[in-house]
Amino acid sequence: MRLVIISLVVFLFNIPFGYWRANVSRFSLQWVLAIHIPVPVIIFMRIYLNIGFAWYTYVFLVAAFFLGQQLGSKLHKLFLKHNNAVSSCLVMDIKKRYWFN
């Protein structure tokens, strides 16, 4: 059960980073950071929540990582389709789009 919860957290945590990654040039410093900043957080969760480093945990967490990044990228494309003035920050774009209009 902990593995499923951690996978969900990893998925949700990676959505803003995928959004950021979609708005920068490929292989730039920001692109690399958008991919690699979540990794230490995931390792910390593995250790702190004691799920270990068994091979089957990688299947869940790597899938959650990439699916979160992919969903963030798709959200960026969706926001870009409906509004040309998008930034690299998902939270600010949601705030700008749905609040204070």
Protein backbone atom coordinates (compact mmCIF):
# COMPACT_ATOMS: atom_id res chain seq x y z
CA MET A 1 0.00 0.00 0.00
CA ARG A 2 2.87 2.39 0.76
CA LEU A 3 4.29 1.81 -2.71
CA VAL A 4 1.02 2.88 -4.32
CA ILE A 5 0.82 6.02 -2.18
CA ILE A 6 4.45 6.93 -2.91
CA SER A 7 3.84 6.34 -6.62
CA LEU A 8 0.88 8.71 -6.51
CA VAL A 9 2.97 11.34 -4.70
CA VAL A 10 5.78 10.95 -7.25
CA PHE A 11 3.27 11.30 -10.09
CA LEU A 12 1.73 14.47 -8.63
CA PHE A 13 5.12 15.91 -7.67
CA ASN A 14 6.41 15.57 -11.26
CA ILE A 15 3.52 17.34 -12.99
CA PRO A 16 4.87 20.88 -12.35
CA PHE A 17 8.35 19.79 -13.40
CA GLY A 18 7.02 18.34 -16.65
CA TYR A 19 5.19 21.62 -17.22
CA TRP A 20 8.43 23.53 -16.67
CA ARG A 21 10.38 21.14 -18.92
CA ALA A 22 7.90 21.65 -21.77
CA ASN A 23 8.54 25.41 -21.82
CA VAL A 24 12.35 25.41 -22.08
CA SER A 25 14.83 24.43 -24.78
CA ARG A 26 15.72 20.78 -24.95
CA PHE A 27 19.02 19.86 -23.26
CA SER A 28 19.35 23.32 -21.68
CA LEU A 29 20.27 23.69 -18.01
CA GLN A 30 16.63 24.33 -17.06
CA TRP A 31 15.52 21.23 -18.99
CA VAL A 32 18.07 19.09 -17.14
CA LEU A 33 17.04 20.59 -13.80
CA ALA A 34 13.34 19.99 -14.49
CA ILE A 35 14.10 16.31 -14.96
CA HIS A 36 16.63 15.82 -12.17
CA ILE A 37 15.41 17.98 -9.26
CA PRO A 38 12.64 15.49 -8.32
CA VAL A 39 15.08 12.56 -8.11
CA PRO A 40 16.57 13.34 -4.64
CA VAL A 41 13.04 13.81 -3.28
CA ILE A 42 12.08 10.37 -4.58
CA ILE A 43 15.20 8.80 -3.08
CA PHE A 44 14.46 10.50 0.25
CA MET A 45 10.90 9.12 0.20
CA ARG A 46 12.22 5.63 -0.53
CA ILE A 47 14.54 5.77 2.46
CA TYR A 48 12.25 7.64 4.87
CA LEU A 49 9.17 5.53 4.14
CA ASN A 50 11.22 2.34 4.13
CA ILE A 51 10.14 0.84 0.81
CA GLY A 52 13.68 -0.07 -0.09
CA PHE A 53 15.30 -0.43 -3.46
CA ALA A 54 13.84 -3.74 -4.64
CA TRP A 55 13.51 -4.12 -8.41
CA TYR A 56 9.70 -4.07 -8.41
CA THR A 57 9.60 -0.65 -6.74
CA TYR A 58 11.45 0.82 -9.70
CA VAL A 59 8.66 -0.23 -12.05
CA PHE A 60 6.07 1.76 -10.10
CA LEU A 61 8.19 4.81 -9.33
CA VAL A 62 9.80 5.18 -12.75
CA ALA A 63 6.38 4.86 -14.39
CA ALA A 64 4.94 7.45 -12.00
CA PHE A 65 7.91 9.75 -12.68
CA PHE A 66 7.54 9.65 -16.45
CA LEU A 67 3.74 9.81 -16.42
CA GLY A 68 3.86 12.90 -14.20
CA GLN A 69 6.40 14.55 -16.49
CA GLN A 70 4.28 13.65 -19.51
CA LEU A 71 1.05 14.99 -18.00
CA GLY A 72 2.81 18.24 -17.09
CA SER A 73 3.99 18.58 -20.68
CA LYS A 74 0.49 17.91 -22.01
CA LEU A 75 -0.96 20.52 -19.63
CA HIS A 76 1.55 23.05 -20.93
CA LYS A 77 0.52 22.33 -24.51
CA LEU A 78 -3.15 22.61 -23.54
CA PHE A 79 -2.60 25.97 -21.82
CA LEU A 80 -0.53 27.16 -24.77
CA LYS A 81 -3.32 26.19 -27.16
CA HIS A 82 -5.85 28.31 -25.26
CA ASN A 83 -3.60 31.21 -24.26
CA ASN A 84 -0.35 32.40 -25.81
CA ALA A 85 0.90 34.02 -22.58
CA VAL A 86 1.99 30.98 -20.57
CA SER A 87 5.01 30.78 -18.32
CA SER A 88 7.12 27.92 -17.02
CA CYS A 89 5.23 27.80 -13.73
CA LEU A 90 2.10 25.66 -13.62
CA VAL A 91 0.86 27.19 -10.37
CA MET A 92 1.10 30.76 -11.68
CA ASP A 93 -0.56 29.85 -14.98
CA ILE A 94 -3.45 28.15 -13.17
CA LYS A 95 -3.78 31.18 -10.91
CA LYS A 96 -3.70 33.55 -13.88
CA ARG A 97 -6.15 31.48 -15.89
CA TYR A 98 -8.75 30.54 -13.30
CA TRP A 99 -8.47 33.19 -10.60
CA PHE A 100 -8.40 36.96 -10.72
CA ASN A 101 -9.61 37.28 -14.31
